[in-house]
Amino acid sequence: MIKDEVLALCELSNDLLYHKIPKEKLAYYIKESLRHGREAAKAYQGKDILALCEENRIEIEYIKESKKTYGVSFRAQAEMDKKHTKIWLYEGSIKELAKNSGYEERKTLTYEEALKIHLSHEFFHYLEYSSQHFVAEQLEEVVTLQLPFFTRKARIQRSSEVAAHAFAKEFLGLKELPNIYDYIYLINSNKMKKDQFLQMVKGFEADLENIN
């Protein structure tokens, strides 16, 4: 089992401005991002994600794509505006993720379980959009440029992704943040070596120990 904080850091490290986050602030971004996702999930405990999408008039379209489009970026996509929300689910990619989700003590996901993980993730982003309370905008900005008479700041956008993972975990009762399955997929499909993943995890565990 990998701690939420470590998997959250795995996600944050993909942010374009990750290198701009002061080391002493990493714990803040991790804790607050996880908190926002967990708290949002409390209001929906015991409900079905498909029913929630129907209640909120979220259109779902299932796309049968070719194997050439398999990949982390093409499992689910959403389009939102003031009048309408639509989520595209790429069936082939989700089935491929489910098939490659077993790893050590972790059981293989069913297609339905993988589907609900991705729907729950996108539903959290729908909640952000509909309330106009985006996690990234509620957290402190980081300094990207510091001059004597000018300071430029920006948001850590990946904090919203961490929150969405936390929402899905809490809502679905998962044992780990679901981005673990992205890495398991990469390992099982030979796109990432197991040692490389373990080294990354150990490095982030050490980073967290040093700032706590």
N, C-alpha and C. Protein backbone atom coordinates (compact mmCIF):
# COMPACT_ATOMS: atom_id res chain seq x y z
N MET A 1 0.84 -1.19 0.00
CA MET A 1 0.00 0.00 0.00
C MET A 1 0.88 1.25 0.00
N ILE A 2 0.51 2.19 -0.81
CA ILE A 2 1.25 3.45 -0.88
C ILE A 2 0.38 4.56 -0.28
N LYS A 3 0.95 5.35 0.60
CA LYS A 3 0.21 6.39 1.29
C LYS A 3 -0.35 7.42 0.31
N ASP A 4 -1.49 8.00 0.69
CA ASP A 4 -2.12 9.03 -0.14
C ASP A 4 -1.16 10.18 -0.41
N GLU A 5 -0.41 10.57 0.62
CA GLU A 5 0.48 11.71 0.48
C GLU A 5 1.55 11.47 -0.59
N VAL A 6 2.03 10.23 -0.67
CA VAL A 6 3.06 9.90 -1.65
C VAL A 6 2.47 9.92 -3.06
N LEU A 7 1.28 9.30 -3.24
CA LEU A 7 0.64 9.30 -4.55
C LEU A 7 0.21 10.71 -4.95
N ALA A 8 -0.14 11.52 -3.97
CA ALA A 8 -0.47 12.92 -4.25
C ALA A 8 0.76 13.65 -4.77
N LEU A 9 1.90 13.35 -4.18
CA LEU A 9 3.14 13.97 -4.62
C LEU A 9 3.53 13.49 -6.01
N CYS A 10 3.22 12.23 -6.31
CA CYS A 10 3.46 11.72 -7.67
C CYS A 10 2.68 12.57 -8.68
N GLU A 11 1.45 12.90 -8.33
CA GLU A 11 0.62 13.71 -9.22
C GLU A 11 1.12 15.15 -9.30
N LEU A 12 1.41 15.74 -8.16
CA LEU A 12 1.89 17.12 -8.13
C LEU A 12 3.18 17.29 -8.93
N SER A 13 4.01 16.27 -8.92
CA SER A 13 5.30 16.36 -9.61
C SER A 13 5.14 16.51 -11.12
N ASN A 14 3.93 16.25 -11.63
CA ASN A 14 3.67 16.42 -13.06
C ASN A 14 3.27 17.85 -13.42
N ASP A 15 3.10 18.69 -12.41
CA ASP A 15 2.74 20.08 -12.67
C ASP A 15 3.92 20.82 -13.29
N LEU A 16 3.63 21.66 -14.26
CA LEU A 16 4.69 22.41 -14.93
C LEU A 16 5.45 23.34 -13.98
N LEU A 17 4.80 23.71 -12.88
CA LEU A 17 5.42 24.62 -11.93
C LEU A 17 5.85 23.92 -10.65
N TYR A 18 5.91 22.60 -10.70
CA TYR A 18 6.29 21.84 -9.50
C TYR A 18 7.62 22.31 -8.93
N HIS A 19 8.57 22.59 -9.79
CA HIS A 19 9.91 23.01 -9.35
C HIS A 19 9.90 24.37 -8.68
N LYS A 20 8.77 25.09 -8.81
CA LYS A 20 8.65 26.41 -8.19
C LYS A 20 8.06 26.34 -6.78
N ILE A 21 7.58 25.16 -6.39
CA ILE A 21 7.00 25.02 -5.06
C ILE A 21 8.13 24.93 -4.03
N PRO A 22 8.16 25.82 -3.05
CA PRO A 22 9.20 25.72 -2.01
C PRO A 22 9.05 24.40 -1.27
N LYS A 23 10.15 23.75 -0.94
CA LYS A 23 10.11 22.45 -0.28
C LYS A 23 9.24 22.47 0.98
N GLU A 24 9.33 23.57 1.73
CA GLU A 24 8.57 23.65 2.97
C GLU A 24 7.07 23.80 2.72
N LYS A 25 6.67 24.03 1.46
CA LYS A 25 5.26 24.20 1.12
C LYS A 25 4.64 22.95 0.51
N LEU A 26 5.44 21.94 0.24
CA LEU A 26 4.91 20.73 -0.38
C LEU A 26 3.81 20.08 0.46
N ALA A 27 4.05 19.99 1.75
CA ALA A 27 3.07 19.37 2.65
C ALA A 27 1.75 20.12 2.62
N TYR A 28 1.82 21.45 2.51
CA TYR A 28 0.60 22.28 2.44
C TYR A 28 -0.22 21.93 1.20
N TYR A 29 0.41 21.88 0.03
CA TYR A 29 -0.32 21.60 -1.20
C TYR A 29 -0.90 20.18 -1.19
N ILE A 30 -0.16 19.24 -0.64
CA ILE A 30 -0.65 17.87 -0.56
C ILE A 30 -1.83 17.76 0.39
N LYS A 31 -1.67 18.29 1.60
CA LYS A 31 -2.72 18.19 2.62
C LYS A 31 -4.00 18.88 2.17
N GLU A 32 -3.88 20.09 1.65
CA GLU A 32 -5.07 20.85 1.27
C GLU A 32 -5.76 20.26 0.04
N SER A 33 -4.99 19.78 -0.91
CA SER A 33 -5.59 19.16 -2.09
C SER A 33 -6.37 17.91 -1.71
N LEU A 34 -5.77 17.06 -0.89
CA LEU A 34 -6.46 15.86 -0.42
C LEU A 34 -7.70 16.21 0.39
N ARG A 35 -7.59 17.22 1.22
CA ARG A 35 -8.73 17.63 2.07
C ARG A 35 -9.92 18.05 1.23
N HIS A 36 -9.69 18.84 0.21
CA HIS A 36 -10.79 19.32 -0.64
C HIS A 36 -11.51 18.14 -1.29
N GLY A 37 -10.78 17.17 -1.78
CA GLY A 37 -11.41 16.02 -2.41
C GLY A 37 -12.18 15.16 -1.44
N ARG A 38 -11.59 14.90 -0.29
CA ARG A 38 -12.25 14.06 0.72
C ARG A 38 -13.52 14.71 1.24
N GLU A 39 -13.46 16.00 1.51
CA GLU A 39 -14.64 16.69 2.04
C GLU A 39 -15.78 16.74 1.02
N ALA A 40 -15.44 16.92 -0.24
CA ALA A 40 -16.46 16.95 -1.28
C ALA A 40 -17.18 15.61 -1.38
N ALA A 41 -16.44 14.52 -1.17
CA ALA A 41 -17.02 13.18 -1.29
C ALA A 41 -18.03 12.86 -0.20
N LYS A 42 -17.89 13.50 0.96
CA LYS A 42 -18.78 13.21 2.09
C LYS A 42 -20.25 13.43 1.75
N ALA A 43 -20.53 14.39 0.90
CA ALA A 43 -21.92 14.72 0.56
C ALA A 43 -22.56 13.68 -0.35
N TYR A 44 -21.76 12.76 -0.89
CA TYR A 44 -22.28 11.81 -1.87
C TYR A 44 -22.09 10.36 -1.46
N GLN A 45 -21.77 10.13 -0.21
CA GLN A 45 -21.54 8.76 0.27
C GLN A 45 -22.78 7.89 0.05
N GLY A 46 -22.54 6.68 -0.45
CA GLY A 46 -23.64 5.74 -0.63
C GLY A 46 -24.41 5.89 -1.93
N LYS A 47 -24.05 6.89 -2.74
CA LYS A 47 -24.75 7.11 -4.00
C LYS A 47 -24.00 6.45 -5.15
N ASP A 48 -24.70 6.25 -6.24
CA ASP A 48 -24.12 5.64 -7.43
C ASP A 48 -23.69 6.73 -8.39
N ILE A 49 -22.50 6.60 -8.95
CA ILE A 49 -21.96 7.67 -9.79
C ILE A 49 -22.77 7.86 -11.07
N LEU A 50 -23.28 6.77 -11.64
CA LEU A 50 -24.09 6.89 -12.85
C LEU A 50 -25.40 7.63 -12.55
N ALA A 51 -25.97 7.34 -11.38
CA ALA A 51 -27.20 8.02 -10.98
C ALA A 51 -26.92 9.50 -10.72
N LEU A 52 -25.78 9.80 -10.13
CA LEU A 52 -25.41 11.20 -9.88
C LEU A 52 -25.25 11.97 -11.19
N CYS A 53 -24.66 11.34 -12.16
CA CYS A 53 -24.50 12.01 -13.45
C CYS A 53 -25.87 12.28 -14.09
N GLU A 54 -26.77 11.31 -13.96
CA GLU A 54 -28.11 11.49 -14.51
C GLU A 54 -28.85 12.61 -13.78
N GLU A 55 -28.74 12.63 -12.44
CA GLU A 55 -29.41 13.66 -11.64
C GLU A 55 -28.92 15.06 -12.01
N ASN A 56 -27.65 15.15 -12.34
CA ASN A 56 -27.05 16.45 -12.66
C ASN A 56 -27.02 16.72 -14.17
N ARG A 57 -27.75 15.91 -14.92
CA ARG A 57 -27.90 16.09 -16.36
C ARG A 57 -26.55 16.12 -17.08
N ILE A 58 -25.66 15.26 -16.65
CA ILE A 58 -24.36 15.12 -17.29
C ILE A 58 -24.48 14.06 -18.38
N GLU A 59 -24.22 14.44 -19.59
CA GLU A 59 -24.30 13.50 -20.71
C GLU A 59 -23.04 12.64 -20.75
N ILE A 60 -23.23 11.35 -20.96
CA ILE A 60 -22.09 10.43 -21.05
C ILE A 60 -22.11 9.77 -22.42
N GLU A 61 -20.98 9.82 -23.09
CA GLU A 61 -20.86 9.16 -24.39
C GLU A 61 -19.71 8.16 -24.34
N TYR A 62 -20.00 6.94 -24.77
CA TYR A 62 -19.00 5.88 -24.78
C TYR A 62 -18.39 5.78 -26.18
N ILE A 63 -17.09 5.84 -26.24
CA ILE A 63 -16.39 5.81 -27.52
C ILE A 63 -15.57 4.54 -27.63
N LYS A 64 -15.78 3.80 -28.70
CA LYS A 64 -14.99 2.59 -28.95
C LYS A 64 -13.83 2.99 -29.86
N GLU A 65 -12.69 3.28 -29.23
CA GLU A 65 -11.54 3.75 -30.02
C GLU A 65 -10.63 2.60 -30.40
N SER A 66 -9.73 2.85 -31.32
CA SER A 66 -8.79 1.82 -31.74
C SER A 66 -7.67 1.69 -30.74
N LYS A 67 -6.92 0.60 -30.82
CA LYS A 67 -5.80 0.37 -29.90
C LYS A 67 -4.73 1.45 -30.02
N LYS A 68 -4.66 2.11 -31.15
CA LYS A 68 -3.64 3.13 -31.37
C LYS A 68 -3.82 4.33 -30.44
N THR A 69 -5.02 4.51 -29.91
CA THR A 69 -5.26 5.66 -29.04
C THR A 69 -5.21 5.30 -27.57
N TYR A 70 -4.87 4.04 -27.25
CA TYR A 70 -4.77 3.66 -25.84
C TYR A 70 -3.72 4.53 -25.16
N GLY A 71 -3.99 4.92 -23.91
CA GLY A 71 -3.03 5.72 -23.16
C GLY A 71 -3.70 6.46 -22.04
N VAL A 72 -2.91 6.94 -21.11
CA VAL A 72 -3.42 7.62 -19.93
C VAL A 72 -4.29 8.81 -20.28
N SER A 73 -3.94 9.54 -21.33
CA SER A 73 -4.62 10.78 -21.67
C SER A 73 -5.97 10.57 -22.34
N PHE A 74 -6.30 9.34 -22.75
CA PHE A 74 -7.50 9.13 -23.54
C PHE A 74 -8.45 8.12 -22.92
N ARG A 75 -8.63 8.19 -21.62
CA ARG A 75 -9.61 7.32 -20.97
C ARG A 75 -10.91 8.06 -20.70
N ALA A 76 -10.80 9.32 -20.36
CA ALA A 76 -11.99 10.12 -20.12
C ALA A 76 -11.67 11.58 -20.40
N GLN A 77 -12.63 12.27 -21.00
CA GLN A 77 -12.50 13.69 -21.25
C GLN A 77 -13.85 14.35 -20.98
N ALA A 78 -13.81 15.59 -20.57
CA ALA A 78 -15.06 16.28 -20.26
C ALA A 78 -15.08 17.66 -20.90
N GLU A 79 -16.27 18.08 -21.26
CA GLU A 79 -16.49 19.42 -21.79
C GLU A 79 -17.60 20.06 -20.96
N MET A 80 -17.34 21.24 -20.44
CA MET A 80 -18.30 21.89 -19.56
C MET A 80 -18.53 23.33 -19.97
N ASP A 81 -19.79 23.73 -19.94
CA ASP A 81 -20.13 25.14 -20.05
C ASP A 81 -21.33 25.40 -19.15
N LYS A 82 -21.85 26.59 -19.18
CA LYS A 82 -22.92 26.95 -18.24
C LYS A 82 -24.21 26.16 -18.45
N LYS A 83 -24.41 25.65 -19.64
CA LYS A 83 -25.66 24.97 -19.95
C LYS A 83 -25.55 23.45 -20.01
N HIS A 84 -24.34 22.95 -20.19
CA HIS A 84 -24.24 21.53 -20.49
C HIS A 84 -22.88 20.96 -20.08
N THR A 85 -22.90 19.71 -19.61
CA THR A 85 -21.66 18.99 -19.30
C THR A 85 -21.71 17.64 -20.00
N LYS A 86 -20.62 17.31 -20.66
CA LYS A 86 -20.55 16.03 -21.35
C LYS A 86 -19.23 15.36 -21.03
N ILE A 87 -19.31 14.06 -20.75
CA ILE A 87 -18.11 13.27 -20.47
C ILE A 87 -17.99 12.18 -21.53
N TRP A 88 -16.82 12.10 -22.15
CA TRP A 88 -16.52 11.04 -23.09
C TRP A 88 -15.70 9.97 -22.38
N LEU A 89 -16.14 8.73 -22.48
CA LEU A 89 -15.41 7.62 -21.90
C LEU A 89 -14.90 6.72 -23.02
N TYR A 90 -13.59 6.51 -23.04
CA TYR A 90 -12.97 5.70 -24.09
C TYR A 90 -12.91 4.24 -23.62
N GLU A 91 -13.86 3.46 -24.11
CA GLU A 91 -14.06 2.10 -23.61
C GLU A 91 -12.82 1.22 -23.75
N GLY A 92 -12.18 1.27 -24.90
CA GLY A 92 -11.03 0.41 -25.12
C GLY A 92 -9.90 0.70 -24.16
N SER A 93 -9.63 1.98 -23.93
CA SER A 93 -8.56 2.37 -23.02
C SER A 93 -8.88 1.98 -21.58
N ILE A 94 -10.14 2.13 -21.20
CA ILE A 94 -10.54 1.78 -19.84
C ILE A 94 -10.46 0.27 -19.64
N LYS A 95 -10.86 -0.50 -20.66
CA LYS A 95 -10.75 -1.96 -20.58
C LYS A 95 -9.28 -2.37 -20.48
N GLU A 96 -8.42 -1.68 -21.22
CA GLU A 96 -6.99 -1.99 -21.20
C GLU A 96 -6.40 -1.68 -19.82
N LEU A 97 -6.84 -0.60 -19.21
CA LEU A 97 -6.39 -0.26 -17.86
C LEU A 97 -6.83 -1.34 -16.87
N ALA A 98 -8.11 -1.73 -16.96
CA ALA A 98 -8.63 -2.75 -16.05
C ALA A 98 -7.86 -4.06 -16.19
N LYS A 99 -7.58 -4.45 -17.41
CA LYS A 99 -6.87 -5.70 -17.67
C LYS A 99 -5.46 -5.69 -17.09
N ASN A 100 -4.86 -4.51 -17.04
CA ASN A 100 -3.49 -4.37 -16.55
C ASN A 100 -3.41 -3.76 -15.15
N SER A 101 -4.46 -3.90 -14.36
CA SER A 101 -4.51 -3.24 -13.05
C SER A 101 -4.07 -4.12 -11.88
N GLY A 102 -3.85 -5.40 -12.12
CA GLY A 102 -3.41 -6.28 -11.04
C GLY A 102 -1.92 -6.15 -10.80
N TYR A 103 -1.55 -6.05 -9.52
CA TYR A 103 -0.13 -5.84 -9.20
C TYR A 103 0.12 -6.22 -7.75
N GLU A 104 0.98 -7.23 -7.53
CA GLU A 104 1.30 -7.70 -6.19
C GLU A 104 0.02 -8.04 -5.43
N GLU A 105 -0.27 -7.36 -4.31
CA GLU A 105 -1.45 -7.75 -3.53
C GLU A 105 -2.74 -7.12 -4.06
N ARG A 106 -2.63 -6.28 -5.07
CA ARG A 106 -3.80 -5.58 -5.59
C ARG A 106 -4.55 -6.46 -6.59
N LYS A 107 -5.86 -6.54 -6.43
CA LYS A 107 -6.68 -7.32 -7.34
C LYS A 107 -6.90 -6.55 -8.63
N THR A 108 -7.14 -7.29 -9.69
CA THR A 108 -7.44 -6.67 -10.99
C THR A 108 -8.80 -6.00 -10.94
N LEU A 109 -8.88 -4.80 -11.44
CA LEU A 109 -10.16 -4.08 -11.50
C LEU A 109 -11.05 -4.71 -12.57
N THR A 110 -12.35 -4.66 -12.33
CA THR A 110 -13.29 -5.00 -13.39
C THR A 110 -13.44 -3.76 -14.28
N TYR A 111 -13.99 -3.97 -15.45
CA TYR A 111 -14.23 -2.83 -16.34
C TYR A 111 -15.15 -1.82 -15.66
N GLU A 112 -16.18 -2.31 -14.97
CA GLU A 112 -17.14 -1.42 -14.31
C GLU A 112 -16.46 -0.60 -13.21
N GLU A 113 -15.54 -1.21 -12.46
CA GLU A 113 -14.82 -0.49 -11.41
C GLU A 113 -13.93 0.59 -12.01
N ALA A 114 -13.23 0.26 -13.08
CA ALA A 114 -12.37 1.24 -13.74
C ALA A 114 -13.20 2.38 -14.32
N LEU A 115 -14.36 2.04 -14.85
CA LEU A 115 -15.26 3.04 -15.42
C LEU A 115 -15.72 4.02 -14.34
N LYS A 116 -16.10 3.49 -13.18
CA LYS A 116 -16.60 4.34 -12.10
C LYS A 116 -15.50 5.24 -11.53
N ILE A 117 -14.27 4.75 -11.54
CA ILE A 117 -13.15 5.58 -11.08
C ILE A 117 -13.02 6.82 -11.97
N HIS A 118 -13.08 6.60 -13.28
CA HIS A 118 -12.92 7.72 -14.19
C HIS A 118 -14.12 8.66 -14.17
N LEU A 119 -15.31 8.10 -14.04
CA LEU A 119 -16.51 8.94 -13.94
C LEU A 119 -16.48 9.78 -12.66
N SER A 120 -16.07 9.17 -11.56
CA SER A 120 -16.00 9.89 -10.28
C SER A 120 -14.99 11.03 -10.35
N HIS A 121 -13.88 10.76 -11.00
CA HIS A 121 -12.84 11.78 -11.18
C HIS A 121 -13.40 12.98 -11.94
N GLU A 122 -14.09 12.71 -13.04
CA GLU A 122 -14.64 13.79 -13.85
C GLU A 122 -15.80 14.48 -13.14
N PHE A 123 -16.54 13.73 -12.33
CA PHE A 123 -17.64 14.34 -11.58
C PHE A 123 -17.11 15.37 -10.60
N PHE A 124 -15.96 15.10 -10.00
CA PHE A 124 -15.38 16.09 -9.09
C PHE A 124 -15.05 17.37 -9.85
N HIS A 125 -14.51 17.24 -11.05
CA HIS A 125 -14.22 18.43 -11.85
C HIS A 125 -15.52 19.17 -12.22
N TYR A 126 -16.60 18.41 -12.42
CA TYR A 126 -17.90 19.03 -12.65
C TYR A 126 -18.33 19.84 -11.43
N LEU A 127 -18.09 19.29 -10.24
CA LEU A 127 -18.43 20.02 -9.01
C LEU A 127 -17.62 21.31 -8.90
N GLU A 128 -16.35 21.23 -9.26
CA GLU A 128 -15.51 22.43 -9.26
C GLU A 128 -16.09 23.48 -10.20
N TYR A 129 -16.43 23.04 -11.41
CA TYR A 129 -16.89 23.97 -12.42
C TYR A 129 -18.25 24.58 -12.06
N SER A 130 -19.16 23.73 -11.61
CA SER A 130 -20.51 24.21 -11.32
C SER A 130 -20.54 25.17 -10.14
N SER A 131 -19.63 24.99 -9.19
CA SER A 131 -19.56 25.88 -8.03
C SER A 131 -18.60 27.05 -8.25
N GLN A 132 -17.77 26.91 -9.31
CA GLN A 132 -16.71 27.89 -9.60
C GLN A 132 -15.72 27.99 -8.44
N HIS A 133 -15.58 26.91 -7.69
CA HIS A 133 -14.60 26.82 -6.61
C HIS A 133 -13.54 25.79 -7.00
N PHE A 134 -12.62 26.21 -7.83
CA PHE A 134 -11.57 25.32 -8.29
C PHE A 134 -10.49 25.20 -7.21
N VAL A 135 -10.09 23.98 -6.95
CA VAL A 135 -9.12 23.74 -5.88
C VAL A 135 -7.86 24.56 -6.09
N ALA A 136 -7.35 24.56 -7.31
CA ALA A 136 -6.11 25.29 -7.59
C ALA A 136 -6.22 26.78 -7.25
N GLU A 137 -7.42 27.32 -7.42
CA GLU A 137 -7.63 28.74 -7.16
C GLU A 137 -7.83 29.05 -5.68
N GLN A 138 -8.08 28.01 -4.90
CA GLN A 138 -8.28 28.22 -3.46
C GLN A 138 -6.98 28.07 -2.67
N LEU A 139 -5.96 27.56 -3.33
CA LEU A 139 -4.67 27.39 -2.67
C LEU A 139 -3.73 28.55 -3.01
N GLU A 140 -2.70 28.69 -2.23
CA GLU A 140 -1.76 29.79 -2.42
C GLU A 140 -1.06 29.68 -3.78
N GLU A 141 -0.75 30.83 -4.33
CA GLU A 141 0.02 30.86 -5.57
C GLU A 141 1.50 30.65 -5.26
N VAL A 142 2.24 30.25 -6.28
CA VAL A 142 3.69 30.14 -6.13
C VAL A 142 4.34 31.28 -6.92
N VAL A 143 5.49 31.71 -6.47
CA VAL A 143 6.23 32.75 -7.17
C VAL A 143 6.97 32.12 -8.34
N THR A 144 6.73 32.62 -9.55
CA THR A 144 7.39 32.09 -10.74
C THR A 144 8.51 33.01 -11.23
N LEU A 145 8.42 34.29 -10.83
CA LEU A 145 9.46 35.24 -11.22
C LEU A 145 9.56 36.34 -10.16
N GLN A 146 10.75 36.56 -9.65
CA GLN A 146 10.97 37.56 -8.60
C GLN A 146 12.03 38.56 -9.06
N LEU A 147 11.59 39.81 -9.27
CA LEU A 147 12.49 40.90 -9.62
C LEU A 147 12.39 41.97 -8.54
N PRO A 148 13.32 42.90 -8.50
CA PRO A 148 13.29 43.94 -7.45
C PRO A 148 11.96 44.67 -7.33
N PHE A 149 11.31 44.94 -8.47
CA PHE A 149 10.06 45.71 -8.43
C PHE A 149 8.89 44.98 -9.10
N PHE A 150 9.05 43.68 -9.24
CA PHE A 150 7.99 42.92 -9.91
C PHE A 150 8.01 41.46 -9.46
N THR A 151 6.83 40.92 -9.16
CA THR A 151 6.70 39.52 -8.77
C THR A 151 5.59 38.88 -9.58
N ARG A 152 5.90 37.77 -10.22
CA ARG A 152 4.88 37.03 -10.98
C ARG A 152 4.54 35.76 -10.22
N LYS A 153 3.22 35.47 -10.12
CA LYS A 153 2.76 34.29 -9.42
C LYS A 153 1.83 33.47 -10.30
N ALA A 154 1.66 32.20 -9.95
CA ALA A 154 0.76 31.32 -10.71
C ALA A 154 0.23 30.22 -9.80
N ARG A 155 -0.79 29.51 -10.30
CA ARG A 155 -1.46 28.45 -9.55
C ARG A 155 -0.85 27.08 -9.86
N ILE A 156 -0.94 26.19 -8.90
CA ILE A 156 -0.53 24.79 -9.10
C ILE A 156 -1.77 24.02 -9.55
N GLN A 157 -1.93 23.89 -10.85
CA GLN A 157 -3.15 23.31 -11.42
C GLN A 157 -3.34 21.83 -11.05
N ARG A 158 -2.26 21.13 -10.86
CA ARG A 158 -2.37 19.70 -10.54
C ARG A 158 -2.99 19.44 -9.17
N SER A 159 -3.11 20.46 -8.36
CA SER A 159 -3.76 20.28 -7.05
C SER A 159 -5.21 19.85 -7.24
N SER A 160 -5.85 20.32 -8.32
CA SER A 160 -7.22 19.89 -8.62
C SER A 160 -7.26 18.41 -8.99
N GLU A 161 -6.21 17.91 -9.65
CA GLU A 161 -6.14 16.50 -10.00
C GLU A 161 -5.97 15.64 -8.74
N VAL A 162 -5.14 16.11 -7.82
CA VAL A 162 -4.97 15.39 -6.54
C VAL A 162 -6.31 15.31 -5.82
N ALA A 163 -7.02 16.42 -5.79
CA ALA A 163 -8.32 16.46 -5.12
C ALA A 163 -9.31 15.51 -5.79
N ALA A 164 -9.27 15.43 -7.12
CA ALA A 164 -10.17 14.52 -7.84
C ALA A 164 -9.85 13.06 -7.52
N HIS A 165 -8.57 12.74 -7.38
CA HIS A 165 -8.17 11.38 -6.97
C HIS A 165 -8.70 11.08 -5.57
N ALA A 166 -8.55 12.07 -4.67
CA ALA A 166 -9.01 11.88 -3.29
C ALA A 166 -10.52 11.71 -3.23
N PHE A 167 -11.23 12.48 -4.06
CA PHE A 167 -12.69 12.35 -4.13
C PHE A 167 -13.08 10.95 -4.57
N ALA A 168 -12.45 10.46 -5.63
CA ALA A 168 -12.78 9.12 -6.15
C ALA A 168 -12.48 8.05 -5.12
N LYS A 169 -11.36 8.17 -4.43
CA LYS A 169 -11.00 7.17 -3.42
C LYS A 169 -12.04 7.14 -2.30
N GLU A 170 -12.39 8.31 -1.79
CA GLU A 170 -13.34 8.40 -0.68
C GLU A 170 -14.74 7.97 -1.12
N PHE A 171 -15.17 8.43 -2.26
CA PHE A 171 -16.51 8.15 -2.77
C PHE A 171 -16.71 6.67 -3.06
N LEU A 172 -15.69 6.03 -3.64
CA LEU A 172 -15.80 4.63 -4.05
C LEU A 172 -15.27 3.64 -3.02
N GLY A 173 -14.67 4.16 -1.94
CA GLY A 173 -14.14 3.29 -0.90
C GLY A 173 -12.91 2.52 -1.34
N LEU A 174 -12.05 3.18 -2.12
CA LEU A 174 -10.83 2.54 -2.59
C LEU A 174 -9.77 2.52 -1.49
N LYS A 175 -8.80 1.64 -1.62
CA LYS A 175 -7.74 1.54 -0.62
C LYS A 175 -6.61 2.54 -0.87
N GLU A 176 -6.44 2.96 -2.11
CA GLU A 176 -5.38 3.89 -2.47
C GLU A 176 -5.93 4.94 -3.43
N LEU A 177 -5.22 6.04 -3.59
CA LEU A 177 -5.61 7.01 -4.61
C LEU A 177 -5.57 6.30 -5.96
N PRO A 178 -6.56 6.51 -6.79
CA PRO A 178 -6.64 5.74 -8.04
C PRO A 178 -5.57 6.04 -9.08
N ASN A 179 -4.76 7.08 -8.90
CA ASN A 179 -3.67 7.28 -9.86
C ASN A 179 -2.62 6.18 -9.74
N ILE A 180 -2.70 5.35 -8.69
CA ILE A 180 -1.81 4.19 -8.59
C ILE A 180 -1.99 3.29 -9.81
N TYR A 181 -3.23 3.24 -10.34
CA TYR A 181 -3.50 2.35 -11.48
C TYR A 181 -2.86 2.85 -12.77
N ASP A 182 -2.60 4.14 -12.86
CA ASP A 182 -1.86 4.65 -14.01
C ASP A 182 -0.46 4.05 -14.04
N TYR A 183 0.17 4.01 -12.88
CA TYR A 183 1.54 3.47 -12.80
C TYR A 183 1.56 1.96 -12.97
N ILE A 184 0.56 1.28 -12.40
CA ILE A 184 0.48 -0.17 -12.56
C ILE A 184 0.30 -0.52 -14.03
N TYR A 185 -0.54 0.26 -14.70
CA TYR A 185 -0.74 0.04 -16.14
C TYR A 185 0.57 0.20 -16.90
N LEU A 186 1.31 1.24 -16.58
CA LEU A 186 2.58 1.49 -17.27
C LEU A 186 3.57 0.36 -17.03
N ILE A 187 3.59 -0.16 -15.80
CA ILE A 187 4.50 -1.27 -15.47
C ILE A 187 4.09 -2.54 -16.20
N ASN A 188 2.80 -2.88 -16.11
CA ASN A 188 2.32 -4.13 -16.71
C ASN A 188 2.35 -4.12 -18.24
N SER A 189 2.33 -2.93 -18.83
CA SER A 189 2.39 -2.83 -20.29
C SER A 189 3.81 -2.52 -20.77
N ASN A 190 4.77 -2.65 -19.84
CA ASN A 190 6.20 -2.48 -20.15
C ASN A 190 6.56 -1.09 -20.65
N LYS A 191 5.81 -0.11 -20.18
CA LYS A 191 6.12 1.28 -20.53
C LYS A 191 6.87 1.98 -19.41
N MET A 192 6.98 1.29 -18.28
CA MET A 192 7.73 1.81 -17.14
C MET A 192 8.27 0.61 -16.38
N LYS A 193 9.51 0.68 -15.96
CA LYS A 193 10.09 -0.43 -15.22
C LYS A 193 9.68 -0.36 -13.74
N LYS A 194 9.48 -1.54 -13.16
CA LYS A 194 9.08 -1.61 -11.76
C LYS A 194 10.10 -0.91 -10.86
N ASP A 195 11.37 -1.12 -11.11
CA ASP A 195 12.42 -0.49 -10.30
C ASP A 195 12.36 1.03 -10.40
N GLN A 196 12.03 1.52 -11.57
CA GLN A 196 11.91 2.96 -11.77
C GLN A 196 10.77 3.53 -10.93
N PHE A 197 9.66 2.81 -10.90
CA PHE A 197 8.51 3.24 -10.09
C PHE A 197 8.85 3.21 -8.61
N LEU A 198 9.46 2.11 -8.15
CA LEU A 198 9.80 1.99 -6.74
C LEU A 198 10.81 3.04 -6.31
N GLN A 199 11.73 3.37 -7.19
CA GLN A 199 12.71 4.41 -6.89
C GLN A 199 12.03 5.77 -6.76
N MET A 200 11.06 6.03 -7.62
CA MET A 200 10.31 7.28 -7.55
C MET A 200 9.54 7.38 -6.23
N VAL A 201 8.88 6.27 -5.85
CA VAL A 201 8.11 6.24 -4.61
C VAL A 201 9.01 6.47 -3.40
N LYS A 202 10.15 5.78 -3.36
CA LYS A 202 11.08 5.94 -2.24
C LYS A 202 11.61 7.37 -2.15
N GLY A 203 11.85 7.97 -3.32
CA GLY A 203 12.32 9.35 -3.34
C GLY A 203 11.29 10.31 -2.77
N PHE A 204 10.03 10.12 -3.14
CA PHE A 204 8.97 10.98 -2.62
C PHE A 204 8.70 10.72 -1.14
N GLU A 205 8.83 9.46 -0.70
CA GLU A 205 8.69 9.15 0.72
C GLU A 205 9.77 9.88 1.53
N ALA A 206 10.97 9.90 0.99
CA ALA A 206 12.08 10.59 1.66
C ALA A 206 11.83 12.09 1.69
N ASP A 207 11.31 12.64 0.60
CA ASP A 207 11.00 14.07 0.54
C ASP A 207 9.98 14.45 1.62
N LEU A 208 8.96 13.60 1.77
CA LEU A 208 7.91 13.88 2.75
C LEU A 208 8.44 13.79 4.17
N GLU A 209 9.32 12.84 4.42
CA GLU A 209 9.91 12.70 5.76
C GLU A 209 10.75 13.93 6.12
N ASN A 210 11.41 14.48 5.13
CA ASN A 210 12.31 15.62 5.36
C ASN A 210 11.55 16.92 5.62
N ILE A 211 10.29 17.00 5.13
CA ILE A 211 9.53 18.25 5.32
C ILE A 211 8.53 18.16 6.45
N ASN A 212 8.33 16.96 7.01
CA ASN A 212 7.38 16.79 8.11
C ASN A 212 8.08 16.89 9.47
